[in-house]
Amino acid sequence: MQLTINGNVKEYQDQLTVLQLLQHLQLSQERVVVELNREILSADLHIDTELKSGDTLELVQFVGGG
């Protein structure tokens, strides 16, 4: 399966949900906004939304600081 993540094309062997992808990338679901094919995906849909080859994602991670 081919996904474009933040402009970079990545290949994955297995079918993934959005949550599984975030876990694979070691990103906390609570600190990331996911845009899937130009639409913001609410966090409660991450577990059930299956990704398909050709999907485009933008992942924005919140970072604290002072």
PDB file of N, CA and C in Angstrom:
ATOM      1  N   MET A   1       0.845  -1.163   0.000  1.00  0.00           N
ATOM      2  CA  MET A   1       0.000   0.000   0.000  1.00  0.00           C
ATOM      3  C   MET A   1       0.893   1.230   0.000  1.00  0.00           C
ATOM      4  N   GLN A   2       0.583   2.165  -0.861  1.00  0.00           N
ATOM      5  CA  GLN A   2       1.375   3.390  -0.980  1.00  0.00           C
ATOM      6  C   GLN A   2       0.586   4.561  -0.384  1.00  0.00           C
ATOM      7  N   LEU A   3       1.213   5.266   0.579  1.00  0.00           N
ATOM      8  CA  LEU A   3       0.611   6.430   1.216  1.00  0.00           C
ATOM      9  C   LEU A   3       1.540   7.621   1.046  1.00  0.00           C
ATOM     10  N   THR A   4       0.967   8.794   0.904  1.00  0.00           N
ATOM     11  CA  THR A   4       1.753  10.020   0.903  1.00  0.00           C
ATOM     12  C   THR A   4       1.523  10.685   2.257  1.00  0.00           C
ATOM     13  N   ILE A   5       2.606  10.806   3.037  1.00  0.00           N
ATOM     14  CA  ILE A   5       2.522  11.368   4.383  1.00  0.00           C
ATOM     15  C   ILE A   5       3.395  12.610   4.434  1.00  0.00           C
ATOM     16  N   ASN A   6       2.760  13.747   4.659  1.00  0.00           N
ATOM     17  CA  ASN A   6       3.456  15.040   4.691  1.00  0.00           C
ATOM     18  C   ASN A   6       4.356  15.229   3.471  1.00  0.00           C
ATOM     19  N   GLY A   7       3.836  14.830   2.315  1.00  0.00           N
ATOM     20  CA  GLY A   7       4.548  15.031   1.051  1.00  0.00           C
ATOM     21  C   GLY A   7       5.527  13.936   0.679  1.00  0.00           C
ATOM     22  N   ASN A   8       5.734  12.958   1.562  1.00  0.00           N
ATOM     23  CA  ASN A   8       6.675  11.863   1.294  1.00  0.00           C
ATOM     24  C   ASN A   8       5.916  10.571   1.018  1.00  0.00           C
ATOM     25  N   VAL A   9       6.258   9.891  -0.070  1.00  0.00           N
ATOM     26  CA  VAL A   9       5.608   8.639  -0.422  1.00  0.00           C
ATOM     27  C   VAL A   9       6.237   7.513   0.382  1.00  0.00           C
ATOM     28  N   LYS A  10       5.381   6.724   1.040  1.00  0.00           N
ATOM     29  CA  LYS A  10       5.828   5.595   1.869  1.00  0.00           C
ATOM     30  C   LYS A  10       5.093   4.339   1.425  1.00  0.00           C
ATOM     31  N   GLU A  11       5.776   3.211   1.521  1.00  0.00           N
ATOM     32  CA  GLU A  11       5.185   1.913   1.186  1.00  0.00           C
ATOM     33  C   GLU A  11       4.950   1.123   2.466  1.00  0.00           C
ATOM     34  N   TYR A  12       3.785   0.514   2.579  1.00  0.00           N
ATOM     35  CA  TYR A  12       3.442  -0.343   3.719  1.00  0.00           C
ATOM     36  C   TYR A  12       2.921  -1.667   3.189  1.00  0.00           C
ATOM     37  N   GLN A  13       3.315  -2.748   3.839  1.00  0.00           N
ATOM     38  CA  GLN A  13       2.913  -4.091   3.417  1.00  0.00           C
ATOM     39  C   GLN A  13       1.475  -4.409   3.816  1.00  0.00           C
ATOM     40  N   ASP A  14       1.103  -4.005   5.026  1.00  0.00           N
ATOM     41  CA  ASP A  14      -0.186  -4.400   5.589  1.00  0.00           C
ATOM     42  C   ASP A  14      -1.207  -3.283   5.468  1.00  0.00           C
ATOM     43  N   GLN A  15      -2.482  -3.677   5.514  1.00  0.00           N
ATOM     44  CA  GLN A  15      -3.574  -2.717   5.607  1.00  0.00           C
ATOM     45  C   GLN A  15      -3.512  -2.088   6.992  1.00  0.00           C
ATOM     46  N   LEU A  16      -3.683  -0.776   7.087  1.00  0.00           N
ATOM     47  CA  LEU A  16      -3.577  -0.066   8.360  1.00  0.00           C
ATOM     48  C   LEU A  16      -4.782   0.829   8.579  1.00  0.00           C
ATOM     49  N   THR A  17      -5.140   1.002   9.858  1.00  0.00           N
ATOM     50  CA  THR A  17      -6.057   2.071  10.227  1.00  0.00           C
ATOM     51  C   THR A  17      -5.211   3.304  10.514  1.00  0.00           C
ATOM     52  N   VAL A  18      -5.855   4.446  10.662  1.00  0.00           N
ATOM     53  CA  VAL A  18      -5.122   5.664  10.993  1.00  0.00           C
ATOM     54  C   VAL A  18      -4.414   5.487  12.333  1.00  0.00           C
ATOM     55  N   LEU A  19      -5.098   4.895  13.313  1.00  0.00           N
ATOM     56  CA  LEU A  19      -4.489   4.687  14.628  1.00  0.00           C
ATOM     57  C   LEU A  19      -3.255   3.789  14.533  1.00  0.00           C
ATOM     58  N   GLN A  20      -3.324   2.721  13.762  1.00  0.00           N
ATOM     59  CA  GLN A  20      -2.180   1.826  13.601  1.00  0.00           C
ATOM     60  C   GLN A  20      -1.006   2.550  12.942  1.00  0.00           C
ATOM     61  N   LEU A  21      -1.296   3.413  11.976  1.00  0.00           N
ATOM     62  CA  LEU A  21      -0.233   4.188  11.339  1.00  0.00           C
ATOM     63  C   LEU A  21       0.430   5.112  12.356  1.00  0.00           C
ATOM     64  N   LEU A  22      -0.367   5.806  13.157  1.00  0.00           N
ATOM     65  CA  LEU A  22       0.197   6.693  14.171  1.00  0.00           C
ATOM     66  C   LEU A  22       1.068   5.916  15.150  1.00  0.00           C
ATOM     67  N   GLN A  23       0.609   4.740  15.554  1.00  0.00           N
ATOM     68  CA  GLN A  23       1.408   3.902  16.458  1.00  0.00           C
ATOM     69  C   GLN A  23       2.703   3.472  15.784  1.00  0.00           C
ATOM     70  N   HIS A  24       2.634   3.095  14.518  1.00  0.00           N
ATOM     71  CA  HIS A  24       3.824   2.694  13.766  1.00  0.00           C
ATOM     72  C   HIS A  24       4.835   3.840  13.683  1.00  0.00           C
ATOM     73  N   LEU A  25       4.330   5.060  13.540  1.00  0.00           N
ATOM     74  CA  LEU A  25       5.194   6.238  13.449  1.00  0.00           C
ATOM     75  C   LEU A  25       5.581   6.781  14.823  1.00  0.00           C
ATOM     76  N   GLN A  26       5.112   6.114  15.867  1.00  0.00           N
ATOM     77  CA  GLN A  26       5.384   6.498  17.262  1.00  0.00           C
ATOM     78  C   GLN A  26       4.907   7.918  17.552  1.00  0.00           C
ATOM     79  N   LEU A  27       3.690   8.214  17.098  1.00  0.00           N
ATOM     80  CA  LEU A  27       3.062   9.504  17.345  1.00  0.00           C
ATOM     81  C   LEU A  27       1.873   9.300  18.271  1.00  0.00           C
ATOM     82  N   SER A  28       1.723  10.179  19.237  1.00  0.00           N
ATOM     83  CA  SER A  28       0.618  10.112  20.183  1.00  0.00           C
ATOM     84  C   SER A  28      -0.652  10.658  19.530  1.00  0.00           C
ATOM     85  N   GLN A  29      -1.706   9.867  19.558  1.00  0.00           N
ATOM     86  CA  GLN A  29      -2.969  10.263  18.960  1.00  0.00           C
ATOM     87  C   GLN A  29      -3.495  11.560  19.586  1.00  0.00           C
ATOM     88  N   GLU A  30      -3.202  11.777  20.853  1.00  0.00           N
ATOM     89  CA  GLU A  30      -3.685  12.964  21.552  1.00  0.00           C
ATOM     90  C   GLU A  30      -2.951  14.238  21.128  1.00  0.00           C
ATOM     91  N   ARG A  31      -1.798  14.097  20.502  1.00  0.00           N
ATOM     92  CA  ARG A  31      -0.985  15.268  20.158  1.00  0.00           C
ATOM     93  C   ARG A  31      -0.849  15.482  18.650  1.00  0.00           C
ATOM     94  N   VAL A  32      -1.685  14.794  17.870  1.00  0.00           N
ATOM     95  CA  VAL A  32      -1.576  14.874  16.411  1.00  0.00           C
ATOM     96  C   VAL A  32      -2.940  15.194  15.797  1.00  0.00           C
ATOM     97  N   VAL A  33      -2.923  16.093  14.822  1.00  0.00           N
ATOM     98  CA  VAL A  33      -4.113  16.324  13.992  1.00  0.00           C
ATOM     99  C   VAL A  33      -3.850  15.620  12.665  1.00  0.00           C
ATOM    100  N   VAL A  34      -4.850  14.857  12.214  1.00  0.00           N
ATOM    101  CA  VAL A  34      -4.718  14.092  10.981  1.00  0.00           C
ATOM    102  C   VAL A  34      -5.640  14.681   9.919  1.00  0.00           C
ATOM    103  N   GLU A  35      -5.036  15.011   8.782  1.00  0.00           N
ATOM    104  CA  GLU A  35      -5.813  15.410   7.616  1.00  0.00           C
ATOM    105  C   GLU A  35      -5.691  14.272   6.610  1.00  0.00           C
ATOM    106  N   LEU A  36      -6.814  13.680   6.254  1.00  0.00           N
ATOM    107  CA  LEU A  36      -6.846  12.558   5.317  1.00  0.00           C
ATOM    108  C   LEU A  36      -7.547  13.009   4.044  1.00  0.00           C
ATOM    109  N   ASN A  37      -6.805  13.012   2.954  1.00  0.00           N
ATOM    110  CA  ASN A  37      -7.350  13.423   1.651  1.00  0.00           C
ATOM    111  C   ASN A  37      -8.055  14.784   1.749  1.00  0.00           C
ATOM    112  N   ARG A  38      -7.361  15.735   2.394  1.00  0.00           N
ATOM    113  CA  ARG A  38      -7.779  17.140   2.512  1.00  0.00           C
ATOM    114  C   ARG A  38      -8.952  17.378   3.454  1.00  0.00           C
ATOM    115  N   GLU A  39      -9.259  16.399   4.311  1.00  0.00           N
ATOM    116  CA  GLU A  39     -10.309  16.584   5.311  1.00  0.00           C
ATOM    117  C   GLU A  39      -9.761  16.235   6.677  1.00  0.00           C
ATOM    118  N   ILE A  40     -10.029  17.110   7.668  1.00  0.00           N
ATOM    119  CA  ILE A  40      -9.599  16.839   9.034  1.00  0.00           C
ATOM    120  C   ILE A  40     -10.393  15.650   9.557  1.00  0.00           C
ATOM    121  N   LEU A  41      -9.688  14.709  10.159  1.00  0.00           N
ATOM    122  CA  LEU A  41     -10.309  13.494  10.685  1.00  0.00           C
ATOM    123  C   LEU A  41     -10.342  13.592  12.204  1.00  0.00           C
ATOM    124  N   SER A  42     -11.534  13.536  12.786  1.00  0.00           N
ATOM    125  CA  SER A  42     -11.622  13.646  14.240  1.00  0.00           C
ATOM    126  C   SER A  42     -10.971  12.423  14.889  1.00  0.00           C
ATOM    127  N   ALA A  43     -10.419  12.632  16.070  1.00  0.00           N
ATOM    128  CA  ALA A  43      -9.649  11.587  16.757  1.00  0.00           C
ATOM    129  C   ALA A  43     -10.477  10.338  17.025  1.00  0.00           C
ATOM    130  N   ASP A  44     -11.780  10.479  17.238  1.00  0.00           N
ATOM    131  CA  ASP A  44     -12.593   9.295  17.518  1.00  0.00           C
ATOM    132  C   ASP A  44     -12.770   8.392  16.291  1.00  0.00           C
ATOM    133  N   LEU A  45     -12.394   8.876  15.115  1.00  0.00           N
ATOM    134  CA  LEU A  45     -12.474   8.061  13.892  1.00  0.00           C
ATOM    135  C   LEU A  45     -11.154   7.369  13.544  1.00  0.00           C
ATOM    136  N   HIS A  46     -10.076   7.672  14.267  1.00  0.00           N
ATOM    137  CA  HIS A  46      -8.765   7.087  13.949  1.00  0.00           C
ATOM    138  C   HIS A  46      -8.779   5.567  14.012  1.00  0.00           C
ATOM    139  N   ILE A  47      -9.485   5.007  14.988  1.00  0.00           N
ATOM    140  CA  ILE A  47      -9.460   3.551  15.191  1.00  0.00           C
ATOM    141  C   ILE A  47     -10.197   2.796  14.083  1.00  0.00           C
ATOM    142  N   ASP A  48     -11.221   3.412  13.491  1.00  0.00           N
ATOM    143  CA  ASP A  48     -12.057   2.714  12.510  1.00  0.00           C
ATOM    144  C   ASP A  48     -11.758   3.069  11.058  1.00  0.00           C
ATOM    145  N   THR A  49     -10.966   4.098  10.822  1.00  0.00           N
ATOM    146  CA  THR A  49     -10.716   4.552   9.452  1.00  0.00           C
ATOM    147  C   THR A  49      -9.559   3.776   8.852  1.00  0.00           C
ATOM    148  N   GLU A  50      -9.888   2.932   7.865  1.00  0.00           N
ATOM    149  CA  GLU A  50      -8.856   2.150   7.183  1.00  0.00           C
ATOM    150  C   GLU A  50      -8.278   2.963   6.034  1.00  0.00           C
ATOM    151  N   LEU A  51      -6.977   2.921   5.920  1.00  0.00           N
ATOM    152  CA  LEU A  51      -6.283   3.635   4.852  1.00  0.00           C
ATOM    153  C   LEU A  51      -6.254   2.782   3.594  1.00  0.00           C
ATOM    154  N   LYS A  52      -6.265   3.467   2.451  1.00  0.00           N
ATOM    155  CA  LYS A  52      -6.215   2.790   1.161  1.00  0.00           C
ATOM    156  C   LYS A  52      -5.006   3.281   0.380  1.00  0.00           C
ATOM    157  N   SER A  53      -4.495   2.436  -0.476  1.00  0.00           N
ATOM    158  CA  SER A  53      -3.369   2.830  -1.305  1.00  0.00           C
ATOM    159  C   SER A  53      -3.742   4.082  -2.088  1.00  0.00           C
ATOM    160  N   GLY A  54      -2.845   5.066  -2.075  1.00  0.00           N
ATOM    161  CA  GLY A  54      -3.084   6.321  -2.765  1.00  0.00           C
ATOM    162  C   GLY A  54      -3.575   7.435  -1.857  1.00  0.00           C
ATOM    163  N   ASP A  55      -3.909   7.092  -0.595  1.00  0.00           N
ATOM    164  CA  ASP A  55      -4.353   8.131   0.340  1.00  0.00           C
ATOM    165  C   ASP A  55      -3.230   9.115   0.615  1.00  0.00           C
ATOM    166  N   THR A  56      -3.630  10.360   0.893  1.00  0.00           N
ATOM    167  CA  THR A  56      -2.700  11.418   1.249  1.00  0.00           C
ATOM    168  C   THR A  56      -3.032  11.891   2.654  1.00  0.00           C
ATOM    169  N   LEU A  57      -2.007  11.905   3.512  1.00  0.00           N
ATOM    170  CA  LEU A  57      -2.187  12.365   4.888  1.00  0.00           C
ATOM    171  C   LEU A  57      -1.245  13.499   5.205  1.00  0.00           C
ATOM    172  N   GLU A  58      -1.746  14.428   5.976  1.00  0.00           N
ATOM    173  CA  GLU A  58      -0.907  15.457   6.579  1.00  0.00           C
ATOM    174  C   GLU A  58      -1.038  15.267   8.085  1.00  0.00           C
ATOM    175  N   LEU A  59       0.081  15.107   8.756  1.00  0.00           N
ATOM    176  CA  LEU A  59       0.102  14.898  10.204  1.00  0.00           C
ATOM    177  C   LEU A  59       0.769  16.107  10.842  1.00  0.00           C
ATOM    178  N   VAL A  60       0.042  16.767  11.738  1.00  0.00           N
ATOM    179  CA  VAL A  60       0.561  17.934  12.440  1.00  0.00           C
ATOM    180  C   VAL A  60       0.630  17.596  13.912  1.00  0.00           C
ATOM    181  N   GLN A  61       1.829  17.638  14.474  1.00  0.00           N
ATOM    182  CA  GLN A  61       2.033  17.274  15.865  1.00  0.00           C
ATOM    183  C   GLN A  61       2.197  18.532  16.705  1.00  0.00           C
ATOM    184  N   PHE A  62       1.470  18.579  17.816  1.00  0.00           N
ATOM    185  CA  PHE A  62       1.581  19.695  18.743  1.00  0.00           C
ATOM    186  C   PHE A  62       2.801  19.486  19.626  1.00  0.00           C
ATOM    187  N   VAL A  63       3.576  20.544  19.816  1.00  0.00           N
ATOM    188  CA  VAL A  63       4.774  20.473  20.625  1.00  0.00           C
ATOM    189  C   VAL A  63       4.692  21.591  21.662  1.00  0.00           C
ATOM    190  N   GLY A  64       4.897  21.214  22.917  1.00  0.00           N
ATOM    191  CA  GLY A  64       4.880  22.212  23.993  1.00  0.00           C
ATOM    192  C   GLY A  64       6.247  22.839  24.151  1.00  0.00           C
ATOM    193  N   GLY A  65       6.265  23.982  24.728  1.00  0.00           N
ATOM    194  CA  GLY A  65       7.536  24.655  24.941  1.00  0.00           C
ATOM    195  C   GLY A  65       7.305  25.980  25.656  1.00  0.00           C
ATOM    196  N   GLY A  66       8.371  26.589  25.982  1.00  0.00           N
ATOM    197  CA  GLY A  66       8.195  27.816  26.727  1.00  0.00           C
ATOM    198  C   GLY A  66       9.178  28.824  26.388  1.00  0.00           C
TER     199      GLY A  66
END
